[in-house]
Every structure is written in C-alpha cells, then in structure tokens.
Protein backbone atom coordinates (compact mmCIF):
# COMPACT_ATOMS: atom_id res chain seq x y z
CA UNK A 1 -14.62 -10.89 -21.62
CA UNK A 2 -15.44 -13.81 -19.31
CA UNK A 3 -12.96 -15.99 -21.22
CA UNK A 4 -10.12 -13.56 -20.55
CA UNK A 5 -8.04 -13.81 -17.38
CA UNK A 6 -8.77 -11.08 -14.83
CA UNK A 7 -5.43 -9.31 -15.30
CA UNK A 8 -6.07 -9.03 -19.06
CA UNK A 9 -9.50 -7.59 -18.39
CA UNK A 10 -7.94 -5.06 -16.02
CA UNK A 11 -5.28 -4.16 -18.61
CA UNK A 12 -7.98 -3.55 -21.20
CA UNK A 13 -9.80 -1.37 -18.67
CA UNK A 14 -6.58 0.58 -18.05
CA UNK A 15 -6.01 1.14 -21.78
CA UNK A 16 -9.57 2.30 -22.38
CA UNK A 17 -9.38 4.54 -19.31
CA UNK A 18 -6.25 6.32 -20.57
CA UNK A 19 -7.85 6.81 -23.99
CA UNK A 20 -11.17 8.06 -22.58
CA UNK A 21 -9.51 10.39 -20.06
CA UNK A 22 -7.19 11.84 -22.68
CA UNK A 23 -9.90 12.39 -25.30
CA UNK A 24 -12.50 13.77 -22.89
CA UNK A 25 -10.17 15.91 -20.79
CA UNK A 26 -11.36 17.83 -17.72
CA UNK A 27 -14.15 19.60 -19.65
CA UNK A 28 -15.65 16.64 -21.50
CA UNK A 29 -19.39 16.04 -21.08
CA UNK A 30 -22.20 13.85 -22.42
CA UNK A 31 -25.75 15.23 -22.42
CA UNK A 32 -24.58 17.98 -20.11
CA UNK A 33 -23.11 15.55 -17.53
CA UNK A 34 -19.33 16.04 -16.98
CA UNK A 35 -17.41 12.88 -17.84
CA UNK A 36 -15.11 13.38 -14.87
CA UNK A 37 -18.11 13.03 -12.55
CA UNK A 38 -19.20 9.86 -14.34
CA UNK A 39 -15.70 8.37 -14.03
CA UNK A 40 -15.59 9.42 -10.39
CA UNK A 41 -18.94 7.78 -9.66
CA UNK A 42 -17.90 4.46 -11.23
CA UNK A 43 -14.53 4.46 -9.47
CA UNK A 44 -15.89 5.50 -6.07
CA UNK A 45 -18.66 2.90 -6.23
CA UNK A 46 -16.14 0.14 -6.89
CA UNK A 47 -13.74 1.44 -4.25
CA UNK A 48 -16.54 1.58 -1.66
CA UNK A 49 -17.47 -2.02 -2.47
CA UNK A 50 -13.87 -3.07 -1.84
CA UNK A 51 -13.63 -1.10 1.40
CA UNK A 52 -16.87 -2.73 2.54
CA UNK A 53 -15.00 -6.05 2.56
CA UNK A 54 -11.94 -4.91 4.49
CA UNK A 55 -12.91 -5.27 8.18
CA UNK A 56 -14.82 -8.58 8.07
CA UNK A 57 -12.34 -10.13 5.63
CA UNK A 58 -9.26 -9.07 7.61
CA UNK A 59 -10.73 -10.06 10.97
CA UNK A 60 -11.92 -13.49 9.82
CA UNK A 61 -8.70 -14.15 7.87
CA UNK A 62 -6.40 -13.34 10.77
CA UNK A 63 -8.51 -15.17 13.35
CA UNK A 64 -8.65 -18.32 11.21
CA UNK A 65 -4.98 -17.96 10.32
CA UNK A 66 -4.04 -17.84 13.99
CA UNK A 67 -6.46 -20.62 14.90
CA UNK A 68 -5.02 -22.82 12.16
CA UNK A 69 -1.50 -22.52 13.45
CA UNK A 70 -2.19 -24.49 16.56
CA UNK A 71 1.00 -24.47 18.57
CA UNK A 72 2.20 -21.48 20.48
CA UNK A 73 5.69 -21.83 19.00
CA UNK A 74 4.38 -21.60 15.46
CA UNK A 75 2.61 -18.30 16.21
CA UNK A 76 5.71 -16.74 17.71
CA UNK A 77 7.97 -18.00 14.94
CA UNK A 78 5.71 -16.79 12.14
CA UNK A 79 5.17 -13.42 13.78
CA UNK A 80 8.90 -12.87 14.32
CA UNK A 81 9.76 -13.78 10.74
CA UNK A 82 7.04 -11.49 9.43
CA UNK A 83 8.26 -8.57 11.56
CA UNK A 84 11.90 -9.05 10.52
CA UNK A 85 10.89 -9.15 6.83
CA UNK A 86 8.79 -5.98 7.10
CA UNK A 87 11.51 -3.99 8.84
CA UNK A 88 14.25 -5.25 6.50
CA UNK A 89 12.48 -4.50 3.22
CA UNK A 90 11.19 -1.12 4.40
CA UNK A 91 14.70 -0.10 5.46
CA UNK A 92 16.17 -1.28 2.13
CA UNK A 93 13.52 0.71 0.26
CA UNK A 94 14.22 3.88 2.26
CA UNK A 95 17.98 3.58 1.74
CA UNK A 96 17.46 3.07 -2.02
CA UNK A 97 15.43 6.26 -2.21
CA UNK A 98 17.89 8.17 -0.04
CA UNK A 99 20.88 7.21 -2.22
CA UNK A 100 19.09 8.23 -5.44
CA UNK A 101 17.76 11.53 -4.12
CA UNK A 102 21.27 12.47 -2.97
CA UNK A 103 22.77 11.53 -6.34
CA UNK A 104 20.14 13.15 -8.57
CA UNK A 105 19.33 16.13 -6.30
CA UNK A 106 15.96 16.84 -7.96
CA UNK A 107 15.38 19.89 -5.75
CA UNK A 108 18.32 21.69 -7.39
CA UNK A 109 17.79 23.11 -10.90
CA UNK A 110 20.75 24.71 -12.70
CA UNK A 111 22.65 25.04 -9.42
CA UNK A 112 19.76 26.89 -7.76
CA UNK A 113 17.13 25.58 -5.34
CA UNK A 114 13.88 24.77 -7.13
CA UNK A 115 12.04 27.10 -4.76
CA UNK A 116 13.89 30.09 -6.19
CA UNK A 117 13.27 28.99 -9.78
CA UNK A 118 9.50 28.56 -9.47
CA UNK A 119 8.87 31.18 -6.77
CA UNK A 120 7.93 28.75 -4.00
CA UNK A 121 5.19 30.05 -1.74
CA UNK A 122 3.35 28.74 1.29
CA UNK A 123 0.59 26.21 0.71
CA UNK A 124 -3.06 27.19 0.76
CA UNK A 125 -5.48 26.43 3.57
CA UNK A 126 -7.00 23.76 1.36
CA UNK A 127 -3.67 21.98 1.07
CA UNK A 128 -3.17 22.07 4.82
CA UNK A 129 -6.64 20.63 5.33
CA UNK A 130 -5.87 17.76 2.97
CA UNK A 131 -2.76 16.60 4.77
CA UNK A 132 -4.24 17.01 8.25
CA UNK A 133 -2.83 18.47 11.41
CA UNK A 134 -0.25 16.00 12.67
CA UNK A 135 3.01 16.42 14.49
CA UNK A 136 6.08 14.31 15.21
CA UNK A 137 4.45 13.11 18.42
CA UNK A 138 1.98 11.22 16.28
CA UNK A 139 4.63 8.51 15.81
CA UNK A 140 4.19 7.56 19.48
CA UNK A 141 0.44 7.54 18.95
CA UNK A 142 0.80 4.57 16.60
CA UNK A 143 1.26 2.28 19.60
CA UNK A 144 -1.78 3.76 21.31
CA UNK A 145 -3.92 3.28 18.20
CA UNK A 146 -2.99 -0.40 18.16
CA UNK A 147 -4.93 -0.99 21.39
CA UNK A 148 -8.49 0.26 20.88
CA UNK A 149 -10.69 1.60 23.63
CA UNK A 150 -13.66 0.14 21.78
CA UNK A 151 -12.98 -2.56 19.22
CA UNK A 152 -16.42 -2.11 17.62
CA UNK A 153 -15.74 1.60 17.10
CA UNK A 154 -12.35 0.74 15.57
CA UNK A 155 -13.97 -1.83 13.28
CA UNK A 156 -16.35 0.85 11.98
CA UNK A 157 -13.44 2.97 10.72
CA UNK A 158 -11.09 1.67 8.01
CA UNK A 159 -8.45 4.13 9.23
CA UNK A 160 -8.07 2.14 12.47
CA UNK A 161 -7.04 -1.16 10.92
CA UNK A 162 -4.04 -1.53 13.24
CA UNK A 163 -6.48 -1.83 16.15
CA UNK A 164 -8.62 -4.38 14.31
CA UNK A 165 -5.55 -6.44 13.40
CA UNK A 166 -4.22 -6.34 16.97
CA UNK A 167 -7.55 -7.50 18.41
CA UNK A 168 -7.92 -10.21 15.75
CA UNK A 169 -4.43 -11.51 16.51
CA UNK A 170 -5.27 -11.75 20.22
CA UNK A 171 -8.67 -13.32 19.54
CA UNK A 172 -7.25 -15.93 17.16
CA UNK A 173 -4.36 -16.78 19.45
CA UNK A 174 -6.50 -17.33 22.55
CA UNK A 175 -9.11 -19.16 20.52
CA UNK A 176 -6.59 -22.00 20.31
CA UNK A 177 -6.22 -21.95 24.11
CA UNK A 178 -9.83 -22.56 25.12
CA UNK A 179 -11.42 -25.99 25.59
CA UNK A 180 -14.06 -27.75 23.54
CA UNK A 181 -16.89 -27.39 22.70
CA UNK A 182 -16.39 -23.61 22.81
CA UNK A 183 -13.32 -23.66 20.58
CA UNK A 184 -15.02 -25.70 17.86
CA UNK A 185 -18.17 -23.57 17.91
CA UNK A 186 -16.33 -20.24 17.64
CA UNK A 187 -13.92 -21.61 15.03
CA UNK A 188 -16.82 -22.84 12.88
CA UNK A 189 -18.46 -19.42 13.11
CA UNK A 190 -15.39 -17.53 11.92
CA UNK A 191 -14.71 -20.09 9.21
CA UNK A 192 -18.24 -19.48 7.96
CA UNK A 193 -17.68 -15.73 8.01
CA UNK A 194 -14.45 -16.15 6.03
CA UNK A 195 -16.15 -18.40 3.44
CA UNK A 196 -18.98 -15.89 2.96
CA UNK A 197 -16.54 -12.97 2.62
CA UNK A 198 -14.55 -14.83 -0.01
CA UNK A 199 -17.74 -15.40 -2.03
CA UNK A 200 -18.66 -11.71 -1.80
CA UNK A 201 -15.09 -10.85 -2.81
CA UNK A 202 -15.41 -12.98 -5.94
CA UNK A 203 -18.59 -11.10 -6.84
CA UNK A 204 -17.00 -7.67 -6.40
CA UNK A 205 -13.94 -8.76 -8.39
CA UNK A 206 -16.10 -9.42 -11.44
CA UNK A 207 -16.56 -5.66 -11.69
CA UNK A 208 -12.85 -4.88 -11.27
CA UNK A 209 -12.21 -3.89 -14.92
CA UNK A 210 -15.10 -1.41 -14.82
CA UNK A 211 -13.95 0.03 -11.49
CA UNK A 212 -10.38 0.37 -12.75
CA UNK A 213 -11.67 2.19 -15.84
CA UNK A 214 -13.48 4.79 -13.73
CA UNK A 215 -10.58 5.39 -11.34
CA UNK A 216 -7.86 5.74 -13.97
CA UNK A 217 -9.96 7.70 -16.47
CA UNK A 218 -10.64 10.34 -13.82
CA UNK A 219 -6.93 10.68 -13.01
CA UNK A 220 -5.95 11.05 -16.68
CA UNK A 221 -8.79 13.48 -17.41
CA UNK A 222 -7.93 15.77 -14.48
CA UNK A 223 -4.10 15.65 -14.47
CA UNK A 224 -3.25 14.85 -18.09
CA UNK A 225 0.29 13.79 -19.03
CA UNK A 226 2.26 17.00 -19.24
CA UNK A 227 1.39 18.78 -16.00
CA UNK A 228 4.57 17.84 -14.20
CA UNK A 229 6.71 20.77 -15.36
CA UNK A 230 9.76 21.34 -13.17
CA UNK A 231 8.79 18.43 -10.90
CA UNK A 232 9.72 15.83 -13.52
CA UNK A 233 13.12 15.17 -11.93
CA UNK A 234 11.49 14.46 -8.57
CA UNK A 235 8.87 12.29 -10.29
CA UNK A 236 11.46 10.15 -12.08
CA UNK A 237 13.74 9.95 -9.03
CA UNK A 238 10.92 8.36 -7.04
CA UNK A 239 9.88 6.17 -9.98
CA UNK A 240 13.41 4.84 -10.57
CA UNK A 241 13.88 4.15 -6.86
CA UNK A 242 10.60 2.21 -6.79
CA UNK A 243 11.65 0.23 -9.88
CA UNK A 244 15.03 -0.64 -8.33
CA UNK A 245 13.32 -1.91 -5.19
CA UNK A 246 10.68 -3.84 -7.17
CA UNK A 247 12.92 -5.38 -9.84
CA UNK A 248 16.29 -5.69 -8.09
CA UNK A 249 15.93 -5.86 -4.30
CA UNK A 250 12.74 -7.93 -4.01
CA UNK A 251 13.66 -10.48 -6.73
CA UNK A 252 17.01 -11.08 -5.00
CA UNK A 253 15.22 -11.66 -1.68
CA UNK A 254 12.70 -13.96 -3.39
CA UNK A 255 15.46 -16.05 -4.93
CA UNK A 256 17.83 -16.16 -1.96
CA UNK A 257 15.42 -16.34 0.97
CA UNK A 258 12.30 -17.71 -0.73
CA UNK A 259 13.86 -20.27 -3.04
CA UNK A 260 11.95 -18.94 -6.06
CA UNK A 261 14.05 -19.84 -9.11
CA UNK A 262 12.32 -17.34 -11.40
CA UNK A 263 10.90 -14.41 -9.39
CA UNK A 264 9.11 -13.01 -12.43
CA UNK A 265 6.99 -16.17 -12.67
CA UNK A 266 5.75 -15.26 -9.21
CA UNK A 267 5.22 -11.67 -10.36
CA UNK A 268 2.97 -12.93 -13.18
CA UNK A 269 0.92 -14.89 -10.67
CA UNK A 270 0.37 -11.70 -8.66
CA UNK A 271 -0.27 -9.51 -11.73
CA UNK A 272 -4.02 -8.94 -11.15
CA UNK A 273 -3.38 -7.70 -7.62
CA UNK A 274 -0.54 -5.44 -8.74
CA UNK A 275 -2.68 -3.90 -11.47
CA UNK A 276 -5.51 -3.41 -8.99
CA UNK A 277 -3.13 -1.73 -6.53
CA UNK A 278 -1.91 0.60 -9.28
CA UNK A 279 -5.46 1.49 -10.24
CA UNK A 280 -6.94 2.00 -6.77
CA UNK A 281 -3.87 3.42 -4.95
CA UNK A 282 -5.09 1.44 -1.94
CA UNK A 283 -3.33 -1.62 -0.56
CA UNK A 284 -6.26 -2.20 1.80
CA UNK A 285 -8.83 -2.13 -1.00
CA UNK A 286 -6.62 -4.48 -3.03
CA UNK A 287 -6.25 -6.95 -0.14
CA UNK A 288 -9.10 -9.31 -1.15
CA UNK A 289 -7.63 -9.77 -4.64
CA UNK A 290 -4.06 -10.02 -3.27
CA UNK A 291 -5.11 -12.89 -1.00
CA UNK A 292 -6.92 -14.62 -3.84
CA UNK A 293 -3.90 -14.37 -6.16
CA UNK A 294 -1.49 -15.56 -3.46
CA UNK A 295 -3.54 -18.67 -2.72
CA UNK A 296 -5.07 -19.64 -6.07
CA UNK A 297 -2.51 -18.37 -8.59
CA UNK A 298 0.75 -18.61 -6.60
CA UNK A 299 -0.28 -21.64 -4.51
CA UNK A 300 0.84 -20.22 -1.17
CA UNK A 301 -0.48 -21.83 2.06
CA UNK A 302 -3.65 -20.32 3.49
CA UNK A 303 -2.33 -20.16 7.05
CA UNK A 304 0.58 -17.95 5.96
CA UNK A 305 -1.48 -15.86 3.52
CA UNK A 306 -4.18 -15.21 6.14
CA UNK A 307 -1.57 -13.98 8.63
CA UNK A 308 1.01 -12.12 6.53
CA UNK A 309 -1.07 -10.30 3.89
CA UNK A 310 -3.71 -8.61 6.14
CA UNK A 311 -0.92 -7.50 8.46
CA UNK A 312 1.20 -6.30 5.54
CA UNK A 313 -1.64 -4.27 4.03
CA UNK A 314 -1.46 -1.98 7.08
CA UNK A 315 2.08 -2.39 8.40
CA UNK A 316 4.39 -3.13 5.45
CA UNK A 317 4.66 -0.05 3.22
CA UNK A 318 7.97 -0.22 1.34
CA UNK A 319 6.94 2.12 -1.46
CA UNK A 320 5.37 4.60 0.96
CA UNK A 321 8.44 4.67 3.22
CA UNK A 322 10.69 5.24 0.20
CA UNK A 323 8.46 8.03 -1.08
CA UNK A 324 8.27 9.79 2.29
CA UNK A 325 12.05 9.98 2.62
CA UNK A 326 12.64 11.13 -0.99
CA UNK A 327 9.87 13.73 -0.71
CA UNK A 328 11.30 15.18 2.51
CA UNK A 329 14.79 15.38 1.00
CA UNK A 330 13.41 16.95 -2.19
CA UNK A 331 11.58 19.64 -0.19
CA UNK A 332 14.74 20.38 1.81
CA UNK A 333 16.72 20.76 -1.44
CA UNK A 334 13.98 22.93 -2.96
CA UNK A 335 14.29 25.30 0.02
CA UNK A 336 18.07 25.37 -0.38
CA UNK A 337 18.71 23.71 2.99
CA UNK A 338 21.76 21.54 3.62
CA UNK A 339 20.72 18.23 5.17
CA UNK A 340 23.54 16.46 7.01
CA UNK A 341 23.89 12.83 8.04
CA UNK A 342 22.19 13.34 11.40
CA UNK A 343 19.06 14.85 9.85
CA UNK A 344 18.96 12.20 7.13
CA UNK A 345 19.21 9.48 9.77
CA UNK A 346 16.25 11.07 11.54
CA UNK A 347 14.32 11.07 8.27
CA UNK A 348 15.07 7.38 7.74
CA UNK A 349 13.97 6.44 11.26
CA UNK A 350 10.73 8.45 11.14
CA UNK A 351 9.92 7.23 7.61
CA UNK A 352 10.30 3.66 8.88
CA UNK A 353 8.02 4.26 11.86
CA UNK A 354 5.36 6.34 10.11
CA UNK A 355 5.10 3.90 7.20
CA UNK A 356 3.89 1.32 9.73
CA UNK A 357 0.96 3.47 10.80
CA UNK A 358 -0.04 4.91 7.42
CA UNK A 359 -3.50 3.77 6.40
CA UNK A 360 -3.70 1.74 3.18
CA UNK A 361 -5.79 4.40 1.42
CA UNK A 362 -4.95 6.84 -1.41
CA UNK A 363 -2.53 9.69 -0.53
CA UNK A 364 -2.40 8.76 3.18
CA UNK A 365 1.40 9.16 3.06
CA UNK A 366 0.97 12.95 2.70
CA UNK A 367 0.12 13.00 6.40
CA UNK A 368 3.25 10.99 7.24
CA UNK A 369 5.42 13.37 5.20
CA UNK A 370 4.25 16.29 7.35
CA UNK A 371 5.42 14.34 10.41
CA UNK A 372 8.92 14.03 8.90
CA UNK A 373 9.03 17.68 7.84
CA UNK A 374 8.03 18.87 11.31
CA UNK A 375 10.55 16.57 13.00
CA UNK A 376 13.51 17.92 11.02
CA UNK A 377 12.41 21.57 11.12
CA UNK A 378 11.05 22.01 7.58
CA UNK A 379 7.81 23.94 6.93
CA UNK A 380 4.91 21.46 6.78
CA UNK A 381 3.04 23.52 4.21
CA UNK A 382 5.83 22.71 1.72
CA UNK A 383 4.11 19.37 1.13
CA UNK A 384 1.90 21.30 -1.31
CA UNK A 385 4.92 21.39 -3.66
CA UNK A 386 4.58 17.67 -4.47
CA UNK A 387 0.80 17.46 -4.83
CA UNK A 388 1.03 17.97 -8.61
CA UNK A 389 2.63 14.55 -9.09
CA UNK A 390 1.56 12.81 -5.88
CA UNK A 391 -1.52 11.09 -7.31
CA UNK A 392 0.34 9.23 -10.06
CA UNK A 393 3.26 8.35 -7.77
CA UNK A 394 0.71 7.11 -5.23
CA UNK A 395 -0.43 4.54 -7.79
CA UNK A 396 3.14 3.36 -8.38
CA UNK A 397 4.19 3.13 -4.72
CA UNK A 398 1.00 1.27 -3.78
CA UNK A 399 1.89 -1.40 -6.34
CA UNK A 400 5.31 -1.74 -4.70
CA UNK A 401 3.65 -2.01 -1.27
CA UNK A 402 1.45 -4.88 -2.46
CA UNK A 403 4.35 -6.54 -4.30
CA UNK A 404 6.48 -6.49 -1.15
CA UNK A 405 3.62 -7.99 0.88
CA UNK A 406 3.27 -10.76 -1.69
CA UNK A 407 7.00 -11.49 -1.82
CA UNK A 408 7.09 -11.59 1.98
CA UNK A 409 4.30 -14.16 1.99
CA UNK A 410 6.24 -16.38 -0.43
CA UNK A 411 9.48 -16.02 1.54
CA UNK A 412 7.87 -16.74 4.91
CA UNK A 413 5.91 -19.67 3.44
CA UNK A 414 9.21 -21.16 2.23
CA UNK A 415 10.71 -20.74 5.70
CA UNK A 416 7.66 -22.31 7.35
CA UNK A 417 7.88 -25.40 5.12
CA UNK A 418 5.52 -27.12 2.65
CA UNK A 419 2.08 -26.44 4.14
CA UNK A 420 0.09 -25.67 1.00
CA UNK A 421 -2.15 -28.11 -0.79
CA UNK A 422 -0.46 -27.05 -4.02
CA UNK A 423 3.26 -26.19 -4.25
CA UNK A 424 4.05 -22.46 -4.43
CA UNK A 425 5.16 -20.95 -7.74
CA UNK A 426 8.83 -21.66 -8.19
C-alpha cells in the first residue's frame, strides 16, 4: 500500500467501504458488536485527529502567509482578489442551482406538490434539535462572530473559525509592522509551529484510507442505496447542478483567469483532497490535505496557499450555497407555494451570506437552510423533508467547496505572478 499514491489508497478504501457497508447492512455484527458502531468508531477517530489539527494549522498558516507577504499593498491586493473570487463563484453556483430547480421543479410530482403526494407532516422534535434554533437575524451575527470577545475561547471551538481567521489575519499583518528583534523572534516561533503541524499532518494522513473506510462504510450501511424514494428528483437536481459548477464553470474560470491550459490536470493534482472531502463531508477537516496537494502536487506558492485555502475552508462554500438555494426552492414547491422573483432574489442573497458563515463540518448547511426558510416565510420544520438524502449530498457539495477553494488558489496565484519554487500545474 505504501507504494500506491494516496488518492489510489483512498479510492481502494472507498470501494471496500461501499462493499462492506452494503454486505453488512444496518444489522450486521461480529462477535455481537454491531459493524455500524465499529465503522463509526474508526471514522470518528480519524475525523477527530483531523479536527485536532485545524486551529493550530490555520493560525500558523495564515500568520506566516501574511508575514511572508511583506508589503502592505500585497496584503490588500491579495485579500481583494480573494474576496472577489469567493463572491463571484458562490453567486455563479447559486444561480446555476436556481435555474435548474426552476426548470426541473423537483417539488412537483405529476402536477401535484410533493407534500400532497407523500402526506407531508411537521418535523419531529429530534429534527428541530439537529438543525438548531436560528433565525434570519443570525446573518447579521456573522459579523459579530468574526470579532471574538476572547480569542482563546474561540480557538477552543472549531465552530468559531471565522474569529480565529480574523485574529490570525490581524496578527500576521501587524507582525510585519513591528521592529527587530521582536519581529524575527515571533516569526521564527510561528514558522516552527507551522513546520511541526505539517509533520503531524503527514502522520495523520497515513491513516486516511482507513478513516475514509470507516466514514463511508457507516453511511452505506445506514442509508443504503435505494432509500431516496420520491426525493430522487431533488437529489439529482442538486447533483447535476454541482456537476455543472464543478466541470463547466470552474474549468472555464481556471482556463480564462488562471491560465491553466488543461484544468483537469489540475483536478488530478487535487484528487486526494477531493476524495477526502467527499469522504469526510468536512472542508475544515480536509484542509491539511488540501494545502499539501496545492503546494506539493500542484506547485502553487506557499504564500498564496497559506492565505487563500484556510480562509476558503470557512468562507468559500460554493456547493453549500447552491444546495441551500435549491433546497429552499424544493421545499417551497413541495408545499405548493408560488415563489416569485422577489422571494427568489431574497433566497439568493441570504444563501450567499449564510454560506460565508457556515462551519466546515458535516451537515452544517441544514442550519443555514432554516435561516432562508424563516426569511421567506416557509416553515422551518420542513427541513426534515430533505434529511433522507442530505448526508450523501453533503459529501458531494463538500467536494465542490474544496474544489472551488483549490481553483481560487490557482487563479489568484496566477494573478499574483510566479512566486512558487516550482511552476504551478498548467
């Protein structure tokens, strides 16, 4: 196995996971121990190891990325380009989903709203507890969460990564503004932290195929393949929209704005990270591998990778934004409600804003969907309608999130000029 590239090892793990989950099913057991619990233990252990890396890796990466930029103009230029890319791709993703959901109308079955066909009822208390109690006002709270009252408290909670990123950006920027010997001492410290975290990351990545096996086997064993029922049209609407964004929109941007002659060569370089994102459903947990692929396999400059990817793992959620908008429209159709241009525009705007603040963890977008539903007057408990297929779609949209982050890094690196030791994949 050591002779195989990491992405091949992960693919083998995926294949074995599907086979094991399908054969064992939800009731499978060995020596009286349920296989689902075994899969869950393996997957959770690996996921916890990845999450353990998030805060120190992100903080040290951003601080060193900012410190390595030097001039004030470079920081502002890079930040502006990154922001413009994030907003542009998220908006394109949302519009792609909106067009498809209006064309396919998955919430209408045989001319009748899906709710009438399947006898739609209110969600259970358990469903409400899973998605949390959030309202439309939570969009404003995103800005408040960016500035932490206590940065140490924020660093102890992976759900407050916006605050950690904001503080790290400030710290790294002003690190370049202090005099020696203080600047050199602090810079050396954070460089040491980054080097140590990269070594730990390499260790954890050796167990990636095993972790992927546990995570995917549990999903297959518990959900199976044929549990979608009448939600198949919604499932494929989202899937097709994600594929259009991933294989049409992003490649065009890579070629036009990033100068990448063959975008799919770049995709192959990022394959391990994309497979990891699909398996874990967490862009934050995938971040260490995404950064490694961007630098070592795609040859992108460290100063751009260290700035763009950690920020993108929390802020840039193309697949999530697309999914939120399609899900809200689907629920409106299922309830037989006519959604005009004004309401759809509101959905687009809120999907764009909430995707920025959604944590890079599995199924976090369910919370954001409730914000959209409340804002346009739909019952929030209706989110329970999509939970049957949400887990598998979560895996797909997380891959798109990570792919968009990676493409953005390549595009911004091309705009910044040749700063890498090795030329980027072209």
